[in-house]
Amino acid sequence: MAALVSILMMPFFILNMLGGVVAAIWLAILGQWGAIGIGVAVMFGAHFAIAIAMMPQIALGMPSAWLLEKGYRVLGAIFALPALIYLYALITFWCGIVLQSSMARVSTEAMLIPMVLWSYAVATAPWTYMAQRENNIGSSTPIFFMELGYIVAGSMIVFGRSAFGDAMVVFAGIMVVAVIAQWAVVGVTAVKRPTVT
């Protein structure tokens, strides 16, 4: 599973490396220094706020970890669900705020593409930084789905001229799929884990 996620993450890795730089240069050419400054501040400072906001998710996940450790596989998988729902709801809320704030700054057609690219970098950078510190499949899966959801939502806005609300409905739908997929992985892992006596 880790190898599959790593392969699927490769296009996102390229976008993460180049997208923010290209968007920042593009916005600088357009004179949008305020958007660049705010974005840089958020990218470097938001992981502290996100870490605090994730504390309930850690608390929600503790019973699941304990139950799985004791060999109660089904109960452990059931108790994992609230923690996963909280995590993906937090990701959806965060990305929604960043995307909406960025779209509010768009005043001309020329600003749309660079602002969506820049908002992608701003929204994903703190989460990617935190996931790299953990460096496990449990942390890379949410990043994959968050980046996929943001790319789809951003593409809807840029190419489909969709409203923000419509794009976020699709983003939220992708997060629901992510919850189900990651919960299934937790369940499969729990079933494969030997019972502790």
C-alpha atoms as a PDB file:
ATOM      1  CA  MET A   1       0.000   0.000   0.000  1.00  0.00           C
ATOM      2  CA  ALA A   2       2.814   2.418   0.884  1.00  0.00           C
ATOM      3  CA  ALA A   3       4.475   1.823  -2.504  1.00  0.00           C
ATOM      4  CA  LEU A   4       1.183   2.460  -4.333  1.00  0.00           C
ATOM      5  CA  VAL A   5       0.590   5.713  -2.437  1.00  0.00           C
ATOM      6  CA  SER A   6       4.179   6.797  -3.187  1.00  0.00           C
ATOM      7  CA  ILE A   7       3.667   6.210  -6.918  1.00  0.00           C
ATOM      8  CA  LEU A   8       0.333   8.036  -6.901  1.00  0.00           C
ATOM      9  CA  MET A   9       1.907  10.942  -5.003  1.00  0.00           C
ATOM     10  CA  MET A  10       4.593  11.584  -7.662  1.00  0.00           C
ATOM     11  CA  PRO A  11       2.534  14.069  -9.770  1.00  0.00           C
ATOM     12  CA  PHE A  12       1.563  15.871  -6.564  1.00  0.00           C
ATOM     13  CA  PHE A  13       5.214  16.012  -5.514  1.00  0.00           C
ATOM     14  CA  ILE A  14       6.080  17.747  -8.794  1.00  0.00           C
ATOM     15  CA  LEU A  15       3.151  20.151  -8.374  1.00  0.00           C
ATOM     16  CA  ASN A  16       4.189  20.815  -4.773  1.00  0.00           C
ATOM     17  CA  MET A  17       7.746  21.610  -5.835  1.00  0.00           C
ATOM     18  CA  LEU A  18       6.924  23.834  -8.814  1.00  0.00           C
ATOM     19  CA  GLY A  19       3.342  25.033  -8.405  1.00  0.00           C
ATOM     20  CA  GLY A  20       3.929  27.391  -5.505  1.00  0.00           C
ATOM     21  CA  VAL A  21       7.073  28.896  -7.044  1.00  0.00           C
ATOM     22  CA  VAL A  22       5.410  29.444 -10.426  1.00  0.00           C
ATOM     23  CA  ALA A  23       2.311  30.902  -8.761  1.00  0.00           C
ATOM     24  CA  ALA A  24       4.376  33.234  -6.555  1.00  0.00           C
ATOM     25  CA  ILE A  25       6.338  34.555  -9.550  1.00  0.00           C
ATOM     26  CA  TRP A  26       3.129  34.959 -11.544  1.00  0.00           C
ATOM     27  CA  LEU A  27       1.425  36.830  -8.685  1.00  0.00           C
ATOM     28  CA  ALA A  28       4.521  39.007  -8.211  1.00  0.00           C
ATOM     29  CA  ILE A  29       4.359  39.991 -11.883  1.00  0.00           C
ATOM     30  CA  LEU A  30       0.691  40.905 -11.316  1.00  0.00           C
ATOM     31  CA  GLY A  31       1.686  42.960  -8.264  1.00  0.00           C
ATOM     32  CA  GLN A  32      -0.114  40.736  -5.747  1.00  0.00           C
ATOM     33  CA  TRP A  33       2.489  41.052  -2.996  1.00  0.00           C
ATOM     34  CA  GLY A  34      -0.138  40.950  -0.264  1.00  0.00           C
ATOM     35  CA  ALA A  35      -1.356  37.516  -1.361  1.00  0.00           C
ATOM     36  CA  ILE A  36       2.229  36.266  -1.497  1.00  0.00           C
ATOM     37  CA  GLY A  37       3.061  37.631   1.969  1.00  0.00           C
ATOM     38  CA  ILE A  38      -0.066  36.231   3.601  1.00  0.00           C
ATOM     39  CA  GLY A  39       0.477  32.887   1.887  1.00  0.00           C
ATOM     40  CA  VAL A  40       4.084  32.598   3.043  1.00  0.00           C
ATOM     41  CA  ALA A  41       3.069  33.477   6.615  1.00  0.00           C
ATOM     42  CA  VAL A  42       0.318  30.849   6.560  1.00  0.00           C
ATOM     43  CA  MET A  43       2.583  28.188   5.038  1.00  0.00           C
ATOM     44  CA  PHE A  44       5.180  28.662   7.759  1.00  0.00           C
ATOM     45  CA  GLY A  45       2.875  29.278  10.709  1.00  0.00           C
ATOM     46  CA  ALA A  46      -0.286  27.262  10.194  1.00  0.00           C
ATOM     47  CA  HIS A  47       1.119  23.883  11.189  1.00  0.00           C
ATOM     48  CA  PHE A  48       1.077  25.051  14.834  1.00  0.00           C
ATOM     49  CA  ALA A  49      -2.646  25.858  14.633  1.00  0.00           C
ATOM     50  CA  ILE A  50      -3.346  22.626  12.754  1.00  0.00           C
ATOM     51  CA  ALA A  51      -1.450  20.611  15.376  1.00  0.00           C
ATOM     52  CA  ILE A  52      -3.634  22.129  18.106  1.00  0.00           C
ATOM     53  CA  ALA A  53      -6.787  21.526  16.074  1.00  0.00           C
ATOM     54  CA  MET A  54      -5.755  17.879  15.649  1.00  0.00           C
ATOM     55  CA  MET A  55      -5.614  17.185  19.378  1.00  0.00           C
ATOM     56  CA  PRO A  56      -9.252  15.994  19.508  1.00  0.00           C
ATOM     57  CA  GLN A  57      -8.461  13.626  16.625  1.00  0.00           C
ATOM     58  CA  ILE A  58      -5.613  12.132  18.629  1.00  0.00           C
ATOM     59  CA  ALA A  59      -7.903  11.750  21.647  1.00  0.00           C
ATOM     60  CA  LEU A  60     -10.573  10.136  19.474  1.00  0.00           C
ATOM     61  CA  GLY A  61      -8.021   7.698  18.067  1.00  0.00           C
ATOM     62  CA  MET A  62      -6.622   6.559  21.421  1.00  0.00           C
ATOM     63  CA  PRO A  63      -9.411   4.066  22.221  1.00  0.00           C
ATOM     64  CA  SER A  64      -9.009   2.530  18.778  1.00  0.00           C
ATOM     65  CA  ALA A  65      -5.261   2.121  19.197  1.00  0.00           C
ATOM     66  CA  TRP A  66      -5.741   0.580  22.647  1.00  0.00           C
ATOM     67  CA  LEU A  67      -8.427  -1.834  21.431  1.00  0.00           C
ATOM     68  CA  LEU A  68      -6.353  -2.910  18.431  1.00  0.00           C
ATOM     69  CA  GLU A  69      -3.335  -3.429  20.666  1.00  0.00           C
ATOM     70  CA  LYS A  70      -5.400  -5.639  22.973  1.00  0.00           C
ATOM     71  CA  GLY A  71      -6.644  -7.679  20.017  1.00  0.00           C
ATOM     72  CA  TYR A  72     -10.204  -6.322  19.838  1.00  0.00           C
ATOM     73  CA  ARG A  73     -10.012  -5.871  16.096  1.00  0.00           C
ATOM     74  CA  VAL A  74     -13.630  -5.124  15.210  1.00  0.00           C
ATOM     75  CA  LEU A  75     -14.137  -2.706  18.103  1.00  0.00           C
ATOM     76  CA  GLY A  76     -10.799  -1.073  17.309  1.00  0.00           C
ATOM     77  CA  ALA A  77     -11.825  -0.514  13.705  1.00  0.00           C
ATOM     78  CA  ILE A  78     -15.208   0.879  14.801  1.00  0.00           C
ATOM     79  CA  PHE A  79     -13.585   3.304  17.231  1.00  0.00           C
ATOM     80  CA  ALA A  80     -11.181   4.460  14.490  1.00  0.00           C
ATOM     81  CA  LEU A  81     -14.064   5.900  12.454  1.00  0.00           C
ATOM     82  CA  PRO A  82     -14.754   9.056  14.564  1.00  0.00           C
ATOM     83  CA  ALA A  83     -11.045   9.952  14.499  1.00  0.00           C
ATOM     84  CA  LEU A  84     -10.950   9.584  10.710  1.00  0.00           C
ATOM     85  CA  ILE A  85     -14.132  11.619  10.259  1.00  0.00           C
ATOM     86  CA  TYR A  86     -12.700  14.385  12.438  1.00  0.00           C
ATOM     87  CA  LEU A  87      -9.403  14.413  10.523  1.00  0.00           C
ATOM     88  CA  TYR A  88     -11.000  14.662   7.099  1.00  0.00           C
ATOM     89  CA  ALA A  89     -13.567  17.219   8.301  1.00  0.00           C
ATOM     90  CA  LEU A  90     -10.681  19.353   9.590  1.00  0.00           C
ATOM     91  CA  ILE A  91      -8.879  19.031   6.242  1.00  0.00           C
ATOM     92  CA  THR A  92     -12.070  20.016   4.393  1.00  0.00           C
ATOM     93  CA  PHE A  93     -12.627  23.016   6.676  1.00  0.00           C
ATOM     94  CA  TRP A  94      -9.014  24.168   6.306  1.00  0.00           C
ATOM     95  CA  CYS A  95      -8.923  23.826   2.528  1.00  0.00           C
ATOM     96  CA  GLY A  96     -12.304  25.529   2.229  1.00  0.00           C
ATOM     97  CA  ILE A  97     -11.083  28.549   4.204  1.00  0.00           C
ATOM     98  CA  VAL A  98      -7.873  28.847   2.175  1.00  0.00           C
ATOM     99  CA  LEU A  99      -9.640  28.458  -1.178  1.00  0.00           C
ATOM    100  CA  GLN A 100     -12.441  30.875  -0.307  1.00  0.00           C
ATOM    101  CA  SER A 101      -9.995  33.482   1.050  1.00  0.00           C
ATOM    102  CA  SER A 102      -7.892  33.183  -2.096  1.00  0.00           C
ATOM    103  CA  MET A 103     -10.889  33.458  -4.430  1.00  0.00           C
ATOM    104  CA  ALA A 104     -12.014  36.596  -2.599  1.00  0.00           C
ATOM    105  CA  ARG A 105      -8.759  38.262  -3.716  1.00  0.00           C
ATOM    106  CA  VAL A 106      -9.335  37.482  -7.401  1.00  0.00           C
ATOM    107  CA  SER A 107     -10.377  40.704  -9.113  1.00  0.00           C
ATOM    108  CA  THR A 108      -9.370  39.977 -12.710  1.00  0.00           C
ATOM    109  CA  GLU A 109      -9.382  36.969 -15.003  1.00  0.00           C
ATOM    110  CA  ALA A 110      -5.580  37.019 -15.140  1.00  0.00           C
ATOM    111  CA  MET A 111      -5.385  36.379 -11.383  1.00  0.00           C
ATOM    112  CA  LEU A 112      -7.517  33.225 -11.343  1.00  0.00           C
ATOM    113  CA  ILE A 113      -4.982  30.531 -12.327  1.00  0.00           C
ATOM    114  CA  PRO A 114      -2.033  31.830 -10.259  1.00  0.00           C
ATOM    115  CA  MET A 115      -4.284  32.425  -7.238  1.00  0.00           C
ATOM    116  CA  VAL A 116      -5.685  28.880  -7.362  1.00  0.00           C
ATOM    117  CA  LEU A 117      -2.142  27.486  -7.734  1.00  0.00           C
ATOM    118  CA  TRP A 118      -0.932  29.645  -4.850  1.00  0.00           C
ATOM    119  CA  SER A 119      -3.882  28.653  -2.671  1.00  0.00           C
ATOM    120  CA  TYR A 120      -3.060  24.981  -3.346  1.00  0.00           C
ATOM    121  CA  ALA A 121       0.478  25.548  -2.080  1.00  0.00           C
ATOM    122  CA  VAL A 122      -0.737  27.497   0.953  1.00  0.00           C
ATOM    123  CA  ALA A 123      -3.402  24.921   1.854  1.00  0.00           C
ATOM    124  CA  THR A 124      -1.276  21.799   1.448  1.00  0.00           C
ATOM    125  CA  ALA A 125       2.149  22.943   2.697  1.00  0.00           C
ATOM    126  CA  PRO A 126       1.468  22.758   6.462  1.00  0.00           C
ATOM    127  CA  TRP A 127      -0.152  19.326   6.188  1.00  0.00           C
ATOM    128  CA  THR A 128       2.631  18.005   3.962  1.00  0.00           C
ATOM    129  CA  TYR A 129       5.246  19.272   6.404  1.00  0.00           C
ATOM    130  CA  MET A 130       3.520  17.529   9.311  1.00  0.00           C
ATOM    131  CA  ALA A 131       3.090  14.294   7.325  1.00  0.00           C
ATOM    132  CA  GLN A 132       6.768  14.247   6.340  1.00  0.00           C
ATOM    133  CA  ARG A 133       7.700  14.360  10.009  1.00  0.00           C
ATOM    134  CA  GLU A 134       5.529  11.291  10.691  1.00  0.00           C
ATOM    135  CA  ASN A 135       6.550   9.504   7.461  1.00  0.00           C
ATOM    136  CA  ASN A 136       4.031   6.652   7.491  1.00  0.00           C
ATOM    137  CA  ILE A 137       1.143   5.382   5.370  1.00  0.00           C
ATOM    138  CA  GLY A 138      -1.395   6.702   7.860  1.00  0.00           C
ATOM    139  CA  SER A 139      -0.172  10.255   7.361  1.00  0.00           C
ATOM    140  CA  SER A 140       0.447  10.106   3.602  1.00  0.00           C
ATOM    141  CA  THR A 141      -3.046   8.837   2.723  1.00  0.00           C
ATOM    142  CA  PRO A 142      -4.846  12.002   3.947  1.00  0.00           C
ATOM    143  CA  ILE A 143      -2.290  14.126   2.088  1.00  0.00           C
ATOM    144  CA  PHE A 144      -2.927  12.227  -1.137  1.00  0.00           C
ATOM    145  CA  PHE A 145      -6.699  12.683  -0.908  1.00  0.00           C
ATOM    146  CA  MET A 146      -6.411  16.326   0.199  1.00  0.00           C
ATOM    147  CA  GLU A 147      -4.174  17.171  -2.767  1.00  0.00           C
ATOM    148  CA  LEU A 148      -6.397  15.222  -5.164  1.00  0.00           C
ATOM    149  CA  GLY A 149      -9.498  16.972  -3.831  1.00  0.00           C
ATOM    150  CA  TYR A 150      -7.883  20.404  -4.062  1.00  0.00           C
ATOM    151  CA  ILE A 151      -6.712  19.816  -7.622  1.00  0.00           C
ATOM    152  CA  VAL A 152     -10.192  18.685  -8.668  1.00  0.00           C
ATOM    153  CA  ALA A 153     -11.901  21.606  -6.891  1.00  0.00           C
ATOM    154  CA  GLY A 154      -9.382  24.110  -8.277  1.00  0.00           C
ATOM    155  CA  SER A 155      -9.755  22.713 -11.789  1.00  0.00           C
ATOM    156  CA  MET A 156     -13.525  23.043 -11.516  1.00  0.00           C
ATOM    157  CA  ILE A 157     -13.117  26.721 -10.641  1.00  0.00           C
ATOM    158  CA  VAL A 158     -10.453  27.482 -13.247  1.00  0.00           C
ATOM    159  CA  PHE A 159     -11.606  25.405 -16.202  1.00  0.00           C
ATOM    160  CA  GLY A 160     -15.266  24.719 -15.449  1.00  0.00           C
ATOM    161  CA  ARG A 161     -15.983  28.163 -13.980  1.00  0.00           C
ATOM    162  CA  SER A 162     -17.782  26.378 -11.154  1.00  0.00           C
ATOM    163  CA  ALA A 163     -18.934  28.246  -8.084  1.00  0.00           C
ATOM    164  CA  PHE A 164     -16.901  27.873  -4.893  1.00  0.00           C
ATOM    165  CA  GLY A 165     -19.738  25.981  -3.204  1.00  0.00           C
ATOM    166  CA  ASP A 166     -19.997  23.437  -6.012  1.00  0.00           C
ATOM    167  CA  ALA A 167     -16.239  22.868  -5.970  1.00  0.00           C
ATOM    168  CA  MET A 168     -16.294  22.330  -2.195  1.00  0.00           C
ATOM    169  CA  VAL A 169     -19.148  19.821  -2.481  1.00  0.00           C
ATOM    170  CA  VAL A 170     -16.940  17.770  -4.806  1.00  0.00           C
ATOM    171  CA  PHE A 171     -13.973  18.247  -2.458  1.00  0.00           C
ATOM    172  CA  ALA A 172     -16.086  17.018   0.471  1.00  0.00           C
ATOM    173  CA  GLY A 173     -17.203  14.026  -1.608  1.00  0.00           C
ATOM    174  CA  ILE A 174     -13.577  13.083  -2.201  1.00  0.00           C
ATOM    175  CA  MET A 175     -12.955  13.375   1.550  1.00  0.00           C
ATOM    176  CA  VAL A 176     -15.863  10.982   2.213  1.00  0.00           C
ATOM    177  CA  VAL A 177     -14.264   8.490  -0.175  1.00  0.00           C
ATOM    178  CA  ALA A 178     -10.994   9.035   1.696  1.00  0.00           C
ATOM    179  CA  VAL A 179     -12.608   8.258   5.065  1.00  0.00           C
ATOM    180  CA  ILE A 180     -14.089   5.037   3.672  1.00  0.00           C
ATOM    181  CA  ALA A 181     -10.803   4.021   2.011  1.00  0.00           C
ATOM    182  CA  GLN A 182      -8.666   4.683   5.068  1.00  0.00           C
ATOM    183  CA  TRP A 183     -11.191   3.032   7.386  1.00  0.00           C
ATOM    184  CA  ALA A 184     -11.135  -0.035   5.136  1.00  0.00           C
ATOM    185  CA  VAL A 185      -7.333  -0.103   5.425  1.00  0.00           C
ATOM    186  CA  VAL A 186      -7.620   0.123   9.227  1.00  0.00           C
ATOM    187  CA  GLY A 187     -10.112  -2.762   9.177  1.00  0.00           C
ATOM    188  CA  VAL A 188      -7.946  -4.935   6.927  1.00  0.00           C
ATOM    189  CA  THR A 189      -4.845  -4.178   9.003  1.00  0.00           C
ATOM    190  CA  ALA A 190      -6.765  -5.008  12.173  1.00  0.00           C
ATOM    191  CA  VAL A 191      -7.925  -8.338  10.779  1.00  0.00           C
ATOM    192  CA  LYS A 192      -4.375  -9.277   9.771  1.00  0.00           C
ATOM    193  CA  ARG A 193      -2.959  -8.310  13.167  1.00  0.00           C
ATOM    194  CA  PRO A 194      -2.533 -11.289  15.494  1.00  0.00           C
ATOM    195  CA  THR A 195      -4.633 -11.375  18.622  1.00  0.00           C
ATOM    196  CA  VAL A 196      -2.741 -10.445  21.788  1.00  0.00           C
ATOM    197  CA  THR A 197      -3.400 -12.780  24.697  1.00  0.00           C
END
